[in-house]
Protein backbone atom coordinates (compact mmCIF):
# COMPACT_ATOMS: atom_id res chain seq x y z
CA MET A 1 11.91 30.85 -18.77
CA GLN A 2 10.53 28.69 -21.59
CA GLN A 3 9.29 25.70 -19.29
CA TRP A 4 7.62 27.85 -17.22
CA ALA A 5 5.98 29.99 -19.60
CA ALA A 6 5.06 26.38 -21.35
CA ALA A 7 3.41 25.26 -17.85
CA VAL A 8 1.38 29.02 -17.41
CA GLY A 9 -2.16 28.49 -18.68
CA PRO A 10 -5.53 27.76 -16.84
CA ARG A 11 -6.30 24.15 -15.94
CA GLU A 12 -8.73 22.07 -14.74
CA VAL A 13 -8.02 19.57 -12.07
CA LEU A 14 -9.49 16.44 -11.77
CA LEU A 15 -9.42 14.69 -8.16
CA ALA A 16 -9.57 11.00 -7.95
CA GLY A 17 -12.48 9.81 -4.76
CA PRO A 18 -10.93 7.99 -2.94
CA ARG A 19 -7.65 8.80 -2.38
CA SER A 20 -5.38 9.24 0.23
CA PHE A 21 -5.11 7.45 3.45
CA CYS A 22 -7.31 4.55 3.99
CA ALA A 23 -8.51 2.60 7.22
CA GLY A 24 -5.48 0.70 7.65
CA VAL A 25 -3.38 3.36 7.21
CA GLU A 26 -5.13 5.45 9.52
CA ARG A 27 -5.50 2.66 12.10
CA SER A 28 -1.46 2.23 11.96
CA ILE A 29 -0.78 5.94 12.54
CA GLU A 30 -3.09 6.84 15.22
CA ILE A 31 -1.14 3.93 17.70
CA VAL A 32 1.49 5.18 16.84
CA GLU A 33 0.36 8.03 18.02
CA ARG A 34 -1.33 6.46 21.10
CA ALA A 35 1.48 4.90 21.90
CA LEU A 36 3.48 8.08 22.11
CA GLU A 37 1.14 9.01 24.43
CA MET A 38 0.27 6.70 26.81
CA ARG A 39 3.78 5.09 27.18
CA PRO A 40 6.49 6.46 29.72
CA HIS A 41 9.56 5.26 27.90
CA PRO A 42 10.24 5.36 24.32
CA VAL A 43 8.52 3.73 21.50
CA TYR A 44 9.81 1.97 18.64
CA VAL A 45 8.64 1.12 15.41
CA ARG A 46 10.03 -2.14 13.11
CA ARG A 47 10.07 -0.62 10.00
CA GLN A 48 8.14 2.31 8.29
CA ILE A 49 4.82 2.37 9.94
CA VAL A 50 2.98 2.54 6.59
CA HIS A 51 5.47 3.37 3.06
CA ASN A 52 5.85 7.54 3.44
CA ALA A 53 8.07 9.52 3.91
CA HIS A 54 6.22 12.17 5.26
CA VAL A 55 4.39 10.21 8.06
CA VAL A 56 7.45 8.63 9.26
CA ARG A 57 9.35 12.20 9.72
CA ARG A 58 6.11 13.29 11.26
CA LEU A 59 6.10 10.51 13.78
CA SER A 60 9.49 10.51 14.62
CA GLU A 61 9.25 13.96 15.41
CA ARG A 62 7.14 13.33 17.79
CA GLY A 63 9.07 10.99 19.59
CA ALA A 64 8.73 7.52 17.23
CA ILE A 65 12.15 5.66 17.27
CA PHE A 66 12.11 3.70 13.76
CA VAL A 67 14.34 0.52 13.42
CA GLU A 68 15.26 -2.36 10.99
CA GLU A 69 14.47 -5.14 12.89
CA VAL A 70 13.39 -6.13 16.83
CA GLU A 71 17.00 -6.83 17.57
CA GLN A 72 17.79 -3.31 17.96
CA VAL A 73 15.12 -2.69 20.26
CA PRO A 74 15.82 -2.33 24.21
CA ARG A 75 15.12 -5.33 25.83
CA GLY A 76 11.45 -4.57 27.82
CA ALA A 77 10.73 -1.64 25.18
CA THR A 78 7.52 -0.74 23.65
CA VAL A 79 7.72 -2.01 19.85
CA VAL A 80 4.91 -1.24 17.03
CA LEU A 81 4.73 -3.48 14.18
CA ALA A 82 3.98 -2.13 10.81
CA ALA A 83 0.56 -2.10 9.23
CA HIS A 84 2.66 -4.46 6.42
CA GLY A 85 2.29 -7.34 8.87
CA VAL A 86 5.25 -9.74 10.01
CA SER A 87 6.35 -13.42 10.29
CA PRO A 88 6.05 -15.32 13.26
CA ALA A 89 10.04 -15.11 13.48
CA VAL A 90 9.87 -11.83 14.61
CA ARG A 91 6.78 -12.07 17.05
CA THR A 92 9.43 -15.01 18.88
CA ALA A 93 12.23 -12.39 18.78
CA ALA A 94 10.07 -9.67 20.18
CA GLN A 95 8.50 -12.32 22.71
CA GLU A 96 12.24 -13.46 23.53
CA ARG A 97 13.38 -9.72 24.07
CA GLU A 98 10.49 -9.42 26.55
CA LEU A 99 9.15 -6.56 24.32
CA ASP A 100 5.85 -5.11 24.80
CA VAL A 101 4.72 -4.93 21.36
CA ILE A 102 1.87 -3.00 19.77
CA ASP A 103 0.57 -4.80 16.51
CA ALA A 104 -0.23 -2.27 13.81
CA THR A 105 -1.01 -4.80 11.41
CA CYS A 106 -3.73 -3.77 9.06
CA PRO A 107 -6.22 -6.18 9.42
CA LEU A 108 -7.12 -6.72 5.83
CA VAL A 109 -3.01 -8.01 5.73
CA THR A 110 -3.95 -10.17 8.81
CA LYS A 111 -7.21 -12.04 6.90
CA VAL A 112 -4.09 -13.13 4.28
CA HIS A 113 -2.17 -14.35 7.36
CA ASN A 114 -4.98 -16.29 8.55
CA GLU A 115 -5.63 -17.68 5.00
CA VAL A 116 -2.24 -19.12 4.31
CA ARG A 117 -1.83 -19.99 7.62
CA ARG A 118 -5.02 -22.84 7.16
CA TYR A 119 -4.10 -23.51 3.29
CA ALA A 120 -0.82 -24.89 4.58
CA ALA A 121 -2.43 -26.82 7.75
CA ARG A 122 -4.37 -28.69 5.07
CA GLY A 123 -0.93 -29.72 2.94
CA GLU A 124 -1.41 -27.56 0.51
CA THR A 125 0.75 -25.50 -1.42
CA VAL A 126 0.05 -21.95 -1.71
CA PHE A 127 0.61 -19.50 -4.25
CA LEU A 128 1.06 -16.10 -2.97
CA ILE A 129 0.60 -13.69 -5.66
CA GLY A 130 2.64 -10.76 -5.06
CA HIS A 131 5.84 -9.10 -5.03
CA HIS A 132 8.88 -10.79 -3.74
CA ASP A 133 10.88 -8.00 -1.88
CA HIS A 134 7.62 -5.71 -0.66
CA GLU A 135 7.35 -6.42 3.08
CA GLU A 136 3.75 -7.70 3.54
CA VAL A 137 5.19 -10.59 1.04
CA GLU A 138 8.08 -11.41 3.43
CA GLY A 139 5.35 -11.41 6.86
CA THR A 140 2.87 -14.05 4.42
CA VAL A 141 5.27 -16.23 3.73
CA GLY A 142 6.97 -16.24 6.96
CA GLU A 143 3.86 -18.24 8.24
CA ALA A 144 4.36 -21.32 6.32
CA PRO A 145 7.62 -20.94 4.06
CA GLY A 146 7.41 -24.59 3.52
CA ASN A 147 4.29 -24.31 1.62
CA VAL A 148 4.31 -20.89 -0.18
CA VAL A 149 5.56 -19.90 -3.03
CA VAL A 150 5.41 -16.52 -4.39
CA VAL A 151 4.38 -15.90 -8.08
CA GLY A 152 5.26 -12.54 -9.09
CA ASP A 153 4.22 -12.60 -12.52
CA MET A 154 2.74 -13.94 -15.54
CA ALA A 155 6.13 -16.03 -16.48
CA ALA A 156 6.33 -16.78 -13.08
CA ALA A 157 2.46 -18.44 -13.38
CA ALA A 158 3.51 -20.28 -16.36
CA ARG A 159 6.20 -22.28 -14.76
CA VAL A 160 5.60 -22.70 -11.13
CA SER A 161 4.76 -26.42 -9.57
CA ALA A 162 3.59 -27.93 -6.51
CA PRO A 163 4.21 -31.61 -5.05
CA ASP A 164 0.79 -32.27 -5.79
CA PRO A 165 -1.09 -30.29 -8.29
CA GLU A 166 -4.59 -31.46 -6.24
CA ARG A 167 -3.43 -29.57 -3.45
CA VAL A 168 -2.99 -26.24 -4.38
CA ALA A 169 -4.54 -22.28 -3.16
CA TYR A 170 -3.36 -19.22 -3.75
CA ALA A 171 -3.46 -15.76 -2.08
CA MET A 172 -2.52 -12.28 -2.99
CA GLN A 173 -0.64 -9.40 -1.55
CA THR A 174 -3.27 -6.62 -0.47
CA THR A 175 -1.66 -3.62 -2.72
CA LEU A 176 -1.43 -5.33 -6.28
CA ALA A 177 -2.89 -3.86 -9.48
CA VAL A 178 -6.22 -5.76 -9.41
CA ASP A 179 -6.38 -6.74 -13.01
CA GLU A 180 -2.68 -8.01 -13.26
CA ALA A 181 -3.50 -9.50 -9.78
CA GLU A 182 -6.66 -11.67 -11.18
CA GLN A 183 -4.80 -11.83 -14.70
CA ILE A 184 -2.08 -14.10 -12.79
CA ALA A 185 -4.52 -15.53 -10.82
CA GLY A 186 -6.95 -16.95 -14.14
CA ALA A 187 -3.32 -18.60 -15.40
CA LEU A 188 -2.96 -20.45 -12.01
CA ARG A 189 -6.52 -21.61 -12.24
CA GLU A 190 -5.97 -23.04 -15.81
CA ARG A 191 -3.11 -24.53 -14.58
CA PHE A 192 -4.26 -25.92 -11.87
CA PRO A 193 -8.00 -26.68 -12.08
CA ALA A 194 -8.05 -27.78 -8.23
CA LEU A 195 -6.76 -24.17 -7.10
CA ALA A 196 -8.74 -23.04 -3.87
CA GLY A 197 -8.49 -19.15 -3.29
CA PRO A 198 -9.92 -16.69 -0.76
CA ARG A 199 -14.25 -16.70 -0.40
CA ARG A 200 -13.25 -12.67 -0.98
CA GLU A 201 -10.21 -11.85 -3.45
CA ASP A 202 -7.14 -10.30 -0.81
CA ILE A 203 -6.44 -6.83 -2.90
CA CYS A 204 -8.24 -4.80 0.20
CA TYR A 205 -11.25 -2.34 -0.90
CA ALA A 206 -8.95 0.82 -0.68
CA THR A 207 -6.55 -0.58 -3.25
CA THR A 208 -9.20 -1.27 -5.95
CA ASN A 209 -11.55 1.48 -5.11
CA ARG A 210 -8.04 3.73 -5.75
CA GLN A 211 -7.35 2.12 -8.78
CA GLN A 212 -10.86 2.27 -10.26
CA ALA A 213 -11.36 6.37 -9.56
CA VAL A 214 -7.60 6.56 -11.03
CA ARG A 215 -8.25 4.86 -14.27
CA ALA A 216 -11.94 7.24 -14.35
CA VAL A 217 -9.94 10.13 -14.16
CA ALA A 218 -7.00 9.19 -16.47
CA ARG A 219 -9.14 8.65 -19.30
CA GLN A 220 -10.33 11.97 -18.95
CA SER A 221 -6.41 13.87 -17.96
CA ASP A 222 -3.58 14.83 -20.23
CA LEU A 223 -1.73 14.52 -17.10
CA VAL A 224 -2.36 12.21 -14.28
CA LEU A 225 -0.05 13.10 -10.86
CA VAL A 226 0.19 10.50 -7.89
CA LEU A 227 1.21 11.50 -4.87
CA GLY A 228 3.17 8.89 -2.68
CA SER A 229 6.61 7.79 -1.56
CA GLY A 230 8.81 5.57 -4.32
CA ASN A 231 8.22 2.28 -1.79
CA SER A 232 4.59 2.30 -1.69
CA SER A 233 3.61 -0.84 -3.60
CA ASN A 234 0.05 0.87 -4.11
CA SER A 235 1.00 3.86 -5.07
CA LEU A 236 3.32 2.31 -7.67
CA ARG A 237 -0.12 0.38 -9.01
CA LEU A 238 -1.53 3.63 -9.67
CA VAL A 239 0.50 5.14 -11.48
CA GLU A 240 0.73 2.05 -13.61
CA VAL A 241 -2.78 1.69 -13.96
CA ALA A 242 -3.61 5.43 -15.01
CA GLN A 243 -0.80 4.81 -17.98
CA ARG A 244 -2.49 1.92 -19.10
CA GLU A 245 -5.50 4.07 -19.70
CA GLY A 246 -2.85 6.02 -22.16
CA ALA A 247 -2.58 8.82 -19.40
CA ARG A 248 1.22 10.41 -18.68
CA ALA A 249 1.08 9.56 -15.37
CA HIS A 250 4.26 10.28 -12.66
CA LEU A 251 4.48 8.97 -8.96
CA VAL A 252 5.57 11.87 -6.94
CA GLU A 253 6.88 12.61 -3.12
CA ASP A 254 4.99 16.27 -3.05
CA ILE A 255 4.94 19.22 -4.84
CA GLY A 256 8.25 19.71 -4.96
CA ALA A 257 8.97 17.01 -7.18
CA VAL A 258 6.48 18.24 -9.97
CA ASP A 259 8.50 18.78 -13.25
CA LEU A 260 7.81 21.76 -15.21
CA GLU A 261 8.03 20.06 -18.51
CA TRP A 262 5.24 17.94 -17.10
CA LEU A 263 2.84 20.74 -17.26
CA ALA A 264 3.33 21.61 -20.92
CA GLY A 265 0.13 21.12 -22.66
CA ALA A 266 -1.43 19.61 -19.49
CA GLY A 267 -4.99 21.68 -19.61
CA ARG A 268 -6.29 19.14 -17.61
CA VAL A 269 -4.69 17.28 -14.77
CA GLY A 270 -5.36 14.06 -12.24
CA ILE A 271 -4.62 14.11 -8.97
CA THR A 272 -4.91 11.00 -6.80
CA ALA A 273 -2.79 10.00 -3.56
CA GLY A 274 -1.78 6.27 -2.50
CA ALA A 275 -3.59 5.11 0.49
CA SER A 276 -0.37 5.83 2.99
CA ALA A 277 0.21 9.85 1.45
CA PRO A 278 -1.31 12.55 3.58
CA PRO A 279 -3.86 14.53 2.22
CA HIS A 280 -2.70 17.89 2.79
CA LEU A 281 -0.03 16.16 -0.51
CA VAL A 282 -2.77 16.82 -2.65
CA ASP A 283 -3.97 20.20 -1.47
CA ASP A 284 -0.11 21.48 -1.71
CA VAL A 285 -0.11 20.09 -5.12
CA VAL A 286 -3.76 21.78 -6.02
CA ALA A 287 -1.87 25.46 -4.36
CA GLY A 288 0.91 25.11 -6.62
CA LEU A 289 -0.60 24.47 -9.63
CA ALA A 290 -2.62 27.71 -9.13
CA GLY A 291 0.78 29.39 -9.19
CA PHE A 292 0.81 28.95 -13.00
CA GLY A 293 -2.72 30.36 -13.40
CA PRO A 294 -6.59 29.82 -12.79
CA VAL A 295 -7.10 26.07 -11.72
CA THR A 296 -10.81 24.77 -11.44
CA THR A 297 -10.91 21.76 -9.10
CA ARG A 298 -13.60 18.93 -9.94
CA GLU A 299 -14.33 15.74 -7.80
CA VAL A 300 -14.24 12.35 -10.09
CA THR A 301 -15.92 10.11 -6.99
CA VAL A 302 -16.31 6.31 -7.53
CA ALA A 303 -16.92 4.86 -4.68
CA THR A 304 -17.61 6.31 -0.67
CA GLU A 305 -15.47 4.62 2.08
CA ASP A 306 -16.98 4.46 5.94
CA VAL A 307 -14.63 1.66 6.68
CA ARG A 308 -12.66 1.99 10.37
CA PHE A 309 -11.05 -0.50 11.99
CA THR A 310 -10.88 -1.19 16.06
CA LEU A 311 -7.66 -0.30 17.55
CA PRO A 312 -6.10 -3.42 19.55
CA LYS A 313 -6.27 -3.20 23.36
CA GLU A 314 -3.23 -2.04 24.01
CA VAL A 315 -3.99 1.43 23.49
CA SER A 316 -7.80 1.46 23.37
């Protein structure tokens, strides 16, 4: 009762904009939905189509079958490759099983894969700034495993080496915290003056926009709630960005994960959602907060997104 009493009261909710689904996520989900409608036989999906439990659950209920590897897919069946991209070895395995492959890789991830192949073809060592255990990084490394060195943090940037320091390049995981990634890239440039890089930074527009938006919200909030799953890199980065602005910030799967203790003294609550989190999760949290007293909402928008990616020919 004490926790409930401390949480009760009027509050203002600041909604970060943009938030929730990006164009790459919308495209990937639509690909699975169309495949389910267009294919007469079961549709398999390698790994989570996007890193969000709610999305995966909904697609499972519609008939999608999620597997870890293509070897678990029956020969000749349809398989959708998730938004994070895969290595050439996965594509080869799918081809050997004569699978009907539909590629839902985000075009911005494909861009990074193309960069890595281009650098490797020139004989360059590629420093890939990203997290070793993320699926996107695994797929990107697979494009040229003998040429790619993953750089996970500043400590790694200080110790990595290359056979020829004059033939080096870098690429980035698309869902990193912008400020941290640039700091690592700067350290690499200082150590390797010949370092080549992409014409445009690899961190995707949606990641950048959501981080700028949560930064603006965090500066004005007592508490920031980020909707997203625990394995969502871009959602985790939103929490970190908010915390660096001095806000109390928490990652929550949905309204059920909000702790009453967090609401004590939180007269102004910022809310955002990772690029893989459905918009209705934000609505659910706002409705839940209204159960503790009057709520007014205000949009804090830093950018407008109108990007849309075309669908692959298999489902268009």
